[in-house]
Amino acid sequence: MNRRTLLTKTVPIGLLLAGCTSQSDESNNTSTTRNSSTTTAQITTSDRTSVTETTRTQTTNSETEEPTSTPETTTPTQSTTTETTTPRSTPDHPSTSGIFDEPTRGPTPFSADATLIIFDDPSCPNCLHFEQKTYPKLKRNYVDAGKLSLVYRSYPVLEEWGVRATYALEATYGRDEKSFWDLKEFYFDNQDSFTTNNVFSKTEQYINKNTSISGQAVVRDAQSKAQKAQIQEDLSIGGKADVRGTPTFFAFRSDEYVTDIVGRQSYSIFKNVLGL
């Protein structure tokens, strides 16, 4: 799967609960009080733009280790989690822009019984909860059976190390899809161990030890923000889709939009909303 070529392109449940965000907004108290299990506040669209721009443009001078010029091993992109099928149609929803170039688990988006588009951040605790508690059940029961497509979009708004990790994920995805999923899992499994100062060194060590691609090359791209356009694209699409926290999910039954789901939710919520 090529990473992002140039983009050319119902049941109103209204389930909106608080997710991980980077600053508070007192005007959103109504929605944040509906989910006591999350501890972070909402941000407005205008605030979100300034927060992500500020976070994204912070320097990477704290990474003192200079990547070495080790030749990179080129490996054909593996697509072990995505089946090639024909989508019924692409729903007219902001979150679906450029959707077929995004990392996907399961069938092609909108070709299965249900599609779930996820905006997440490697440093978000509620995203960790989904990956470790909810996703395994969805995968076992629906993704592996070809009934559910999960599409991931970058939305790093919480911690600076999460922004840096997102750049590394983008650089990895362009080289090898399986390595992308492995690195994503590595970030979530070790979320508490990362800081702004160590995320690149830990990333390089992990990639060199556990994948066939070059950790030095990935970190070099991440440090230079080679994939900045892709990340800004997801942030822009998230803004148009009114993403206010992470994780935010947009649920579709077949090719019909159903609702959004925000924050830490149970497996049964996803099952019922998606009609599975």
C-alpha atoms as a PDB file:
ATOM      1  CA  MET A   1       0.000   0.000   0.000  1.00  0.00           C
ATOM      2  CA  ASN A   2       1.442   3.383  -1.031  1.00  0.00           C
ATOM      3  CA  ARG A   3       1.403   5.957   1.724  1.00  0.00           C
ATOM      4  CA  ARG A   4      -0.867   8.822   0.756  1.00  0.00           C
ATOM      5  CA  THR A   5      -0.822   9.752  -2.890  1.00  0.00           C
ATOM      6  CA  LEU A   6      -2.166  13.231  -3.602  1.00  0.00           C
ATOM      7  CA  LEU A   7      -5.710  13.252  -2.329  1.00  0.00           C
ATOM      8  CA  THR A   8      -8.427  13.947  -4.874  1.00  0.00           C
ATOM      9  CA  LYS A   9     -10.498  13.541  -3.253  1.00  0.00           C
ATOM     10  CA  THR A  10     -28.183   6.257   9.679  1.00  0.00           C
ATOM     11  CA  VAL A  11     -28.607   6.148  13.123  1.00  0.00           C
ATOM     12  CA  PRO A  12     -27.803   9.407  14.960  1.00  0.00           C
ATOM     13  CA  ILE A  13     -26.725   8.115  18.329  1.00  0.00           C
ATOM     14  CA  GLY A  14     -24.628  11.165  19.190  1.00  0.00           C
ATOM     15  CA  LEU A  15     -22.295   9.380  21.582  1.00  0.00           C
ATOM     16  CA  LEU A  16     -19.775  12.083  22.571  1.00  0.00           C
ATOM     17  CA  LEU A  17     -17.605  11.576  25.632  1.00  0.00           C
ATOM     18  CA  ALA A  18     -14.321  13.059  26.775  1.00  0.00           C
ATOM     19  CA  GLY A  19     -11.024  11.773  25.446  1.00  0.00           C
ATOM     20  CA  CYS A  20      -7.349  12.737  25.820  1.00  0.00           C
ATOM     21  CA  THR A  21      -6.646  16.312  24.778  1.00  0.00           C
ATOM     22  CA  SER A  22      -3.967  18.861  25.437  1.00  0.00           C
ATOM     23  CA  GLN A  23      -5.795  21.757  27.078  1.00  0.00           C
ATOM     24  CA  SER A  24      -9.138  22.532  28.711  1.00  0.00           C
ATOM     25  CA  ASP A  25     -12.171  24.395  27.426  1.00  0.00           C
ATOM     26  CA  GLU A  26     -14.735  25.428  30.033  1.00  0.00           C
ATOM     27  CA  SER A  27     -17.469  25.726  27.398  1.00  0.00           C
ATOM     28  CA  ASN A  28     -17.372  21.950  26.874  1.00  0.00           C
ATOM     29  CA  ASN A  29     -18.204  20.957  30.465  1.00  0.00           C
ATOM     30  CA  THR A  30     -21.458  19.366  29.370  1.00  0.00           C
ATOM     31  CA  SER A  31     -19.756  16.664  27.349  1.00  0.00           C
ATOM     32  CA  THR A  32     -16.830  16.096  29.655  1.00  0.00           C
ATOM     33  CA  THR A  33     -19.017  15.367  32.659  1.00  0.00           C
ATOM     34  CA  ARG A  34     -20.768  12.579  30.822  1.00  0.00           C
ATOM     35  CA  ASN A  35     -17.732  10.308  31.176  1.00  0.00           C
ATOM     36  CA  SER A  36     -16.190  10.196  34.619  1.00  0.00           C
ATOM     37  CA  SER A  37     -13.716   7.500  33.575  1.00  0.00           C
ATOM     38  CA  THR A  38     -11.659   9.982  31.530  1.00  0.00           C
ATOM     39  CA  THR A  39      -9.608  12.688  33.113  1.00  0.00           C
ATOM     40  CA  THR A  40      -8.787  15.118  30.330  1.00  0.00           C
ATOM     41  CA  ALA A  41     -10.800  17.980  28.925  1.00  0.00           C
ATOM     42  CA  GLN A  42     -12.025  18.971  25.495  1.00  0.00           C
ATOM     43  CA  ILE A  43     -10.368  21.547  23.239  1.00  0.00           C
ATOM     44  CA  THR A  44     -11.995  23.862  20.764  1.00  0.00           C
ATOM     45  CA  THR A  45     -11.204  23.676  17.048  1.00  0.00           C
ATOM     46  CA  SER A  46      -9.248  26.940  17.093  1.00  0.00           C
ATOM     47  CA  ASP A  47      -7.340  25.903  20.210  1.00  0.00           C
ATOM     48  CA  ARG A  48      -6.584  22.526  18.721  1.00  0.00           C
ATOM     49  CA  THR A  49      -4.923  24.090  15.687  1.00  0.00           C
ATOM     50  CA  SER A  50      -2.662  26.278  17.778  1.00  0.00           C
ATOM     51  CA  VAL A  51      -1.822  23.453  20.185  1.00  0.00           C
ATOM     52  CA  THR A  52      -0.838  21.021  17.478  1.00  0.00           C
ATOM     53  CA  GLU A  53       1.112  23.634  15.530  1.00  0.00           C
ATOM     54  CA  THR A  54       3.022  24.598  18.669  1.00  0.00           C
ATOM     55  CA  THR A  55       3.694  20.992  19.571  1.00  0.00           C
ATOM     56  CA  ARG A  56       4.633  20.033  16.065  1.00  0.00           C
ATOM     57  CA  THR A  57       7.168  22.831  15.616  1.00  0.00           C
ATOM     58  CA  GLN A  58       9.085  22.263  18.829  1.00  0.00           C
ATOM     59  CA  THR A  59      12.721  21.506  18.075  1.00  0.00           C
ATOM     60  CA  THR A  60      14.319  18.136  18.277  1.00  0.00           C
ATOM     61  CA  ASN A  61      17.626  19.423  19.626  1.00  0.00           C
ATOM     62  CA  SER A  62      17.192  17.342  22.784  1.00  0.00           C
ATOM     63  CA  GLU A  63      17.986  14.273  20.691  1.00  0.00           C
ATOM     64  CA  THR A  64      21.729  14.378  21.061  1.00  0.00           C
ATOM     65  CA  GLU A  65      22.531  11.180  19.240  1.00  0.00           C
ATOM     66  CA  GLU A  66      23.290  11.769  15.570  1.00  0.00           C
ATOM     67  CA  PRO A  67      21.905   8.959  13.418  1.00  0.00           C
ATOM     68  CA  THR A  68      24.544   7.034  11.556  1.00  0.00           C
ATOM     69  CA  SER A  69      24.437   6.573   7.814  1.00  0.00           C
ATOM     70  CA  THR A  70      23.783   2.856   7.811  1.00  0.00           C
ATOM     71  CA  PRO A  71      22.398   1.712   4.444  1.00  0.00           C
ATOM     72  CA  GLU A  72      18.709   0.962   4.616  1.00  0.00           C
ATOM     73  CA  THR A  73      17.363  -2.423   3.651  1.00  0.00           C
ATOM     74  CA  THR A  74      14.485  -2.088   1.232  1.00  0.00           C
ATOM     75  CA  THR A  75      11.707  -4.527   1.952  1.00  0.00           C
ATOM     76  CA  PRO A  76       8.496  -4.877  -0.063  1.00  0.00           C
ATOM     77  CA  THR A  77       5.560  -3.483   1.821  1.00  0.00           C
ATOM     78  CA  GLN A  78       3.620  -6.233   3.538  1.00  0.00           C
ATOM     79  CA  SER A  79      -0.138  -6.037   3.711  1.00  0.00           C
ATOM     80  CA  THR A  80      -1.042  -8.885   5.960  1.00  0.00           C
ATOM     81  CA  THR A  81      -3.963  -7.148   7.645  1.00  0.00           C
ATOM     82  CA  THR A  82      -5.789  -5.672   4.675  1.00  0.00           C
ATOM     83  CA  GLU A  83      -7.901  -7.602   2.209  1.00  0.00           C
ATOM     84  CA  THR A  84      -8.417  -6.244  -1.303  1.00  0.00           C
ATOM     85  CA  THR A  85     -12.117  -5.890  -1.893  1.00  0.00           C
ATOM     86  CA  THR A  86     -14.284  -3.311  -3.599  1.00  0.00           C
ATOM     87  CA  PRO A  87     -15.941  -0.667  -1.397  1.00  0.00           C
ATOM     88  CA  ARG A  88     -19.632  -0.048  -1.968  1.00  0.00           C
ATOM     89  CA  SER A  89     -19.072   3.717  -1.999  1.00  0.00           C
ATOM     90  CA  THR A  90     -17.233   6.337   0.022  1.00  0.00           C
ATOM     91  CA  PRO A  91     -19.536   8.114   2.499  1.00  0.00           C
ATOM     92  CA  ASP A  92     -19.695  11.881   2.323  1.00  0.00           C
ATOM     93  CA  HIS A  93     -18.105  12.537   5.699  1.00  0.00           C
ATOM     94  CA  PRO A  94     -15.016  14.670   6.480  1.00  0.00           C
ATOM     95  CA  SER A  95     -13.196  11.763   8.151  1.00  0.00           C
ATOM     96  CA  THR A  96     -13.187   9.721   4.930  1.00  0.00           C
ATOM     97  CA  SER A  97     -11.015  12.071   2.849  1.00  0.00           C
ATOM     98  CA  GLY A  98      -8.077  10.093   1.429  1.00  0.00           C
ATOM     99  CA  ILE A  99      -9.169   7.079   3.457  1.00  0.00           C
ATOM    100  CA  PHE A 100      -7.808   4.428   1.094  1.00  0.00           C
ATOM    101  CA  ASP A 101      -4.216   5.561   1.657  1.00  0.00           C
ATOM    102  CA  GLU A 102      -4.417   5.136   5.439  1.00  0.00           C
ATOM    103  CA  PRO A 103      -3.156   2.198   7.538  1.00  0.00           C
ATOM    104  CA  THR A 104      -5.994  -0.314   7.666  1.00  0.00           C
ATOM    105  CA  ARG A 105      -6.686  -3.535   9.532  1.00  0.00           C
ATOM    106  CA  GLY A 106      -9.174  -5.850   7.893  1.00  0.00           C
ATOM    107  CA  PRO A 107     -11.045  -5.398   4.617  1.00  0.00           C
ATOM    108  CA  THR A 108     -10.933  -2.319   2.403  1.00  0.00           C
ATOM    109  CA  PRO A 109     -12.885   0.505   4.065  1.00  0.00           C
ATOM    110  CA  PHE A 110     -16.637   0.428   3.373  1.00  0.00           C
ATOM    111  CA  SER A 111     -16.491  -2.989   1.694  1.00  0.00           C
ATOM    112  CA  ALA A 112     -17.420  -4.867   4.886  1.00  0.00           C
ATOM    113  CA  ASP A 113     -20.384  -4.783   7.265  1.00  0.00           C
ATOM    114  CA  ALA A 114     -18.797  -1.956   9.246  1.00  0.00           C
ATOM    115  CA  THR A 115     -15.899   0.512   9.177  1.00  0.00           C
ATOM    116  CA  LEU A 116     -14.335   2.321  12.126  1.00  0.00           C
ATOM    117  CA  ILE A 117     -12.052   5.322  11.504  1.00  0.00           C
ATOM    118  CA  ILE A 118      -9.784   6.038  14.475  1.00  0.00           C
ATOM    119  CA  PHE A 119      -7.954   9.265  15.278  1.00  0.00           C
ATOM    120  CA  ASP A 120      -5.343   8.405  17.906  1.00  0.00           C
ATOM    121  CA  ASP A 121      -2.135   9.486  19.609  1.00  0.00           C
ATOM    122  CA  PRO A 122       0.633   7.118  20.828  1.00  0.00           C
ATOM    123  CA  SER A 123       0.885   9.061  24.107  1.00  0.00           C
ATOM    124  CA  CYS A 124      -2.860   8.948  24.877  1.00  0.00           C
ATOM    125  CA  PRO A 125      -3.861   6.661  27.811  1.00  0.00           C
ATOM    126  CA  ASN A 126      -7.380   6.180  26.454  1.00  0.00           C
ATOM    127  CA  CYS A 127      -5.943   5.126  23.088  1.00  0.00           C
ATOM    128  CA  LEU A 128      -3.869   2.582  25.012  1.00  0.00           C
ATOM    129  CA  HIS A 129      -7.050   1.243  26.627  1.00  0.00           C
ATOM    130  CA  PHE A 130      -8.641   0.714  23.213  1.00  0.00           C
ATOM    131  CA  GLU A 131      -5.559  -1.011  21.791  1.00  0.00           C
ATOM    132  CA  GLN A 132      -5.133  -3.383  24.715  1.00  0.00           C
ATOM    133  CA  LYS A 133      -8.694  -4.001  25.919  1.00  0.00           C
ATOM    134  CA  THR A 134     -11.089  -3.413  23.030  1.00  0.00           C
ATOM    135  CA  TYR A 135      -9.218  -3.956  19.792  1.00  0.00           C
ATOM    136  CA  PRO A 136      -8.237  -7.589  20.495  1.00  0.00           C
ATOM    137  CA  LYS A 137     -11.925  -8.543  20.836  1.00  0.00           C
ATOM    138  CA  LEU A 138     -12.918  -6.624  17.714  1.00  0.00           C
ATOM    139  CA  LYS A 139     -10.086  -8.264  15.805  1.00  0.00           C
ATOM    140  CA  ARG A 140     -10.916 -11.764  16.957  1.00  0.00           C
ATOM    141  CA  ASN A 141     -14.657 -11.497  16.356  1.00  0.00           C
ATOM    142  CA  TYR A 142     -14.984  -9.181  13.357  1.00  0.00           C
ATOM    143  CA  VAL A 143     -11.760  -7.982  11.720  1.00  0.00           C
ATOM    144  CA  ASP A 144     -10.370 -11.478  11.128  1.00  0.00           C
ATOM    145  CA  ALA A 145     -13.799 -12.576   9.893  1.00  0.00           C
ATOM    146  CA  GLY A 146     -13.838  -9.814   7.271  1.00  0.00           C
ATOM    147  CA  LYS A 147     -16.783  -8.001   8.852  1.00  0.00           C
ATOM    148  CA  LEU A 148     -15.004  -4.902  10.178  1.00  0.00           C
ATOM    149  CA  SER A 149     -12.440  -2.506   8.745  1.00  0.00           C
ATOM    150  CA  LEU A 150     -10.337  -0.407  11.156  1.00  0.00           C
ATOM    151  CA  VAL A 151      -8.644   2.665   9.675  1.00  0.00           C
ATOM    152  CA  TYR A 152      -6.046   4.642  11.639  1.00  0.00           C
ATOM    153  CA  ARG A 153      -5.364   8.373  11.307  1.00  0.00           C
ATOM    154  CA  SER A 154      -2.660  10.326  13.176  1.00  0.00           C
ATOM    155  CA  TYR A 155      -3.793  12.919  15.687  1.00  0.00           C
ATOM    156  CA  PRO A 156      -0.880  13.710  18.053  1.00  0.00           C
ATOM    157  CA  VAL A 157      -2.099  16.421  20.428  1.00  0.00           C
ATOM    158  CA  LEU A 158      -1.172  15.269  23.918  1.00  0.00           C
ATOM    159  CA  GLU A 159       2.562  14.830  24.583  1.00  0.00           C
ATOM    160  CA  GLU A 160       5.577  16.013  22.597  1.00  0.00           C
ATOM    161  CA  TRP A 161       7.006  12.490  22.578  1.00  0.00           C
ATOM    162  CA  GLY A 162       3.780  11.347  20.941  1.00  0.00           C
ATOM    163  CA  VAL A 163       4.334  13.862  18.146  1.00  0.00           C
ATOM    164  CA  ARG A 164       7.836  12.507  17.583  1.00  0.00           C
ATOM    165  CA  ALA A 165       6.572   8.928  17.709  1.00  0.00           C
ATOM    166  CA  THR A 166       3.932   9.801  15.117  1.00  0.00           C
ATOM    167  CA  TYR A 167       6.622  11.066  12.735  1.00  0.00           C
ATOM    168  CA  ALA A 168       8.490   7.793  13.238  1.00  0.00           C
ATOM    169  CA  LEU A 169       5.326   5.794  12.595  1.00  0.00           C
ATOM    170  CA  GLU A 170       4.711   7.664   9.340  1.00  0.00           C
ATOM    171  CA  ALA A 171       8.300   7.089   8.234  1.00  0.00           C
ATOM    172  CA  THR A 172       7.973   3.386   9.091  1.00  0.00           C
ATOM    173  CA  TYR A 173       4.661   2.930   7.290  1.00  0.00           C
ATOM    174  CA  GLY A 174       6.189   4.238   4.076  1.00  0.00           C
ATOM    175  CA  ARG A 175       8.789   1.476   4.270  1.00  0.00           C
ATOM    176  CA  ASP A 176       6.986  -1.572   5.610  1.00  0.00           C
ATOM    177  CA  GLU A 177       3.411  -1.948   6.853  1.00  0.00           C
ATOM    178  CA  LYS A 178       4.050  -4.819   9.237  1.00  0.00           C
ATOM    179  CA  SER A 179       6.842  -2.847  10.905  1.00  0.00           C
ATOM    180  CA  PHE A 180       4.421   0.043  11.307  1.00  0.00           C
ATOM    181  CA  TRP A 181       1.941  -2.089  13.278  1.00  0.00           C
ATOM    182  CA  ASP A 182       4.747  -3.589  15.358  1.00  0.00           C
ATOM    183  CA  LEU A 183       6.143  -0.162  16.218  1.00  0.00           C
ATOM    184  CA  LYS A 184       2.691   1.145  17.071  1.00  0.00           C
ATOM    185  CA  GLU A 185       2.221  -1.758  19.483  1.00  0.00           C
ATOM    186  CA  PHE A 186       5.673  -1.093  20.964  1.00  0.00           C
ATOM    187  CA  TYR A 187       4.724   2.506  21.750  1.00  0.00           C
ATOM    188  CA  PHE A 188       1.488   1.523  23.468  1.00  0.00           C
ATOM    189  CA  ASP A 189       2.972  -1.401  25.385  1.00  0.00           C
ATOM    190  CA  ASN A 190       5.703   0.851  26.785  1.00  0.00           C
ATOM    191  CA  GLN A 191       3.808   4.133  26.930  1.00  0.00           C
ATOM    192  CA  ASP A 192       4.996   5.087  30.418  1.00  0.00           C
ATOM    193  CA  SER A 193       8.665   4.710  29.510  1.00  0.00           C
ATOM    194  CA  PHE A 194       8.855   7.317  26.754  1.00  0.00           C
ATOM    195  CA  THR A 195       9.959  10.927  27.042  1.00  0.00           C
ATOM    196  CA  THR A 196      10.777  13.655  24.557  1.00  0.00           C
ATOM    197  CA  ASN A 197      14.471  12.927  25.084  1.00  0.00           C
ATOM    198  CA  ASN A 198      14.452   9.153  24.614  1.00  0.00           C
ATOM    199  CA  VAL A 199      11.730   8.355  22.092  1.00  0.00           C
ATOM    200  CA  PHE A 200      13.991   8.503  19.039  1.00  0.00           C
ATOM    201  CA  SER A 201      16.775   6.413  20.561  1.00  0.00           C
ATOM    202  CA  LYS A 202      14.307   3.783  21.786  1.00  0.00           C
ATOM    203  CA  THR A 203      12.598   3.778  18.390  1.00  0.00           C
ATOM    204  CA  GLU A 204      15.868   3.245  16.542  1.00  0.00           C
ATOM    205  CA  GLN A 205      16.899   0.392  18.837  1.00  0.00           C
ATOM    206  CA  TYR A 206      13.522  -1.326  18.521  1.00  0.00           C
ATOM    207  CA  ILE A 207      13.365  -1.088  14.733  1.00  0.00           C
ATOM    208  CA  ASN A 208      16.920  -2.330  14.243  1.00  0.00           C
ATOM    209  CA  LYS A 209      16.346  -5.278  16.559  1.00  0.00           C
ATOM    210  CA  ASN A 210      12.830  -6.311  15.537  1.00  0.00           C
ATOM    211  CA  THR A 211      12.297  -5.375  11.888  1.00  0.00           C
ATOM    212  CA  SER A 212      14.071  -5.634   8.558  1.00  0.00           C
ATOM    213  CA  ILE A 213      14.211  -1.876   7.951  1.00  0.00           C
ATOM    214  CA  SER A 214      16.748   0.696   9.129  1.00  0.00           C
ATOM    215  CA  GLY A 215      16.041   2.375  12.439  1.00  0.00           C
ATOM    216  CA  GLN A 216      18.575   5.068  11.607  1.00  0.00           C
ATOM    217  CA  ALA A 217      16.717   5.927   8.390  1.00  0.00           C
ATOM    218  CA  VAL A 218      13.359   6.064  10.155  1.00  0.00           C
ATOM    219  CA  VAL A 219      14.693   8.331  12.904  1.00  0.00           C
ATOM    220  CA  ARG A 220      16.445  10.528  10.357  1.00  0.00           C
ATOM    221  CA  ASP A 221      13.130  11.060   8.554  1.00  0.00           C
ATOM    222  CA  ALA A 222      11.316  11.640  11.837  1.00  0.00           C
ATOM    223  CA  GLN A 223      13.856  14.217  13.002  1.00  0.00           C
ATOM    224  CA  SER A 224      13.679  16.110   9.707  1.00  0.00           C
ATOM    225  CA  LYS A 225       9.871  15.816   9.680  1.00  0.00           C
ATOM    226  CA  ALA A 226       9.950  14.301   6.211  1.00  0.00           C
ATOM    227  CA  GLN A 227       6.327  13.195   6.589  1.00  0.00           C
ATOM    228  CA  LYS A 228       5.055  16.546   7.897  1.00  0.00           C
ATOM    229  CA  ALA A 229       2.544  16.912   5.057  1.00  0.00           C
ATOM    230  CA  GLN A 230       0.894  13.579   5.895  1.00  0.00           C
ATOM    231  CA  ILE A 231       0.538  14.403   9.579  1.00  0.00           C
ATOM    232  CA  GLN A 232      -0.780  17.899   8.917  1.00  0.00           C
ATOM    233  CA  GLU A 233      -3.261  16.378   6.506  1.00  0.00           C
ATOM    234  CA  ASP A 234      -4.680  14.114   9.218  1.00  0.00           C
ATOM    235  CA  LEU A 235      -4.801  17.016  11.680  1.00  0.00           C
ATOM    236  CA  SER A 236      -6.660  19.112   9.120  1.00  0.00           C
ATOM    237  CA  ILE A 237      -9.121  16.321   8.348  1.00  0.00           C
ATOM    238  CA  GLY A 238      -9.646  15.756  12.066  1.00  0.00           C
ATOM    239  CA  GLY A 239     -10.417  19.439  12.499  1.00  0.00           C
ATOM    240  CA  LYS A 240     -12.981  19.350   9.698  1.00  0.00           C
ATOM    241  CA  ALA A 241     -14.525  16.249  11.288  1.00  0.00           C
ATOM    242  CA  ASP A 242     -14.730  18.084  14.650  1.00  0.00           C
ATOM    243  CA  VAL A 243     -12.302  15.797  16.474  1.00  0.00           C
ATOM    244  CA  ARG A 244     -12.005  17.194  20.009  1.00  0.00           C
ATOM    245  CA  GLY A 245     -10.059  14.501  21.810  1.00  0.00           C
ATOM    246  CA  THR A 246      -8.322  11.181  21.387  1.00  0.00           C
ATOM    247  CA  PRO A 247      -9.254   8.598  20.661  1.00  0.00           C
ATOM    248  CA  THR A 248     -12.119   9.678  18.430  1.00  0.00           C
ATOM    249  CA  PHE A 249     -13.869   7.023  16.354  1.00  0.00           C
ATOM    250  CA  PHE A 250     -16.209   7.536  13.403  1.00  0.00           C
ATOM    251  CA  ALA A 251     -18.529   4.563  12.985  1.00  0.00           C
ATOM    252  CA  PHE A 252     -20.056   3.418   9.697  1.00  0.00           C
ATOM    253  CA  ARG A 253     -22.446   0.588   8.957  1.00  0.00           C
ATOM    254  CA  SER A 254     -21.654  -0.539   5.438  1.00  0.00           C
ATOM    255  CA  ASP A 255     -21.181   2.839   3.724  1.00  0.00           C
ATOM    256  CA  GLU A 256     -23.564   4.818   5.984  1.00  0.00           C
ATOM    257  CA  TYR A 257     -22.265   7.069   8.735  1.00  0.00           C
ATOM    258  CA  VAL A 258     -23.721   6.262  12.162  1.00  0.00           C
ATOM    259  CA  THR A 259     -22.073   8.379  14.863  1.00  0.00           C
ATOM    260  CA  ASP A 260     -18.827   9.314  16.583  1.00  0.00           C
ATOM    261  CA  ILE A 261     -17.495   7.703  19.746  1.00  0.00           C
ATOM    262  CA  VAL A 262     -14.969   9.550  21.922  1.00  0.00           C
ATOM    263  CA  GLY A 263     -12.765   8.422  24.780  1.00  0.00           C
ATOM    264  CA  ARG A 264     -12.562   5.202  26.767  1.00  0.00           C
ATOM    265  CA  GLN A 265     -15.488   2.970  25.863  1.00  0.00           C
ATOM    266  CA  SER A 266     -16.389  -0.668  26.350  1.00  0.00           C
ATOM    267  CA  TYR A 267     -16.335  -3.350  23.698  1.00  0.00           C
ATOM    268  CA  SER A 268     -20.143  -3.575  23.826  1.00  0.00           C
ATOM    269  CA  ILE A 269     -20.467   0.090  22.833  1.00  0.00           C
ATOM    270  CA  PHE A 270     -18.531  -0.498  19.627  1.00  0.00           C
ATOM    271  CA  LYS A 271     -20.363  -3.751  18.909  1.00  0.00           C
ATOM    272  CA  ASN A 272     -23.771  -2.153  19.288  1.00  0.00           C
ATOM    273  CA  VAL A 273     -23.000   1.082  17.462  1.00  0.00           C
ATOM    274  CA  LEU A 274     -21.528  -0.782  14.519  1.00  0.00           C
ATOM    275  CA  GLY A 275     -24.457  -3.214  14.402  1.00  0.00           C
ATOM    276  CA  LEU A 276     -22.225  -6.274  14.674  1.00  0.00           C
END
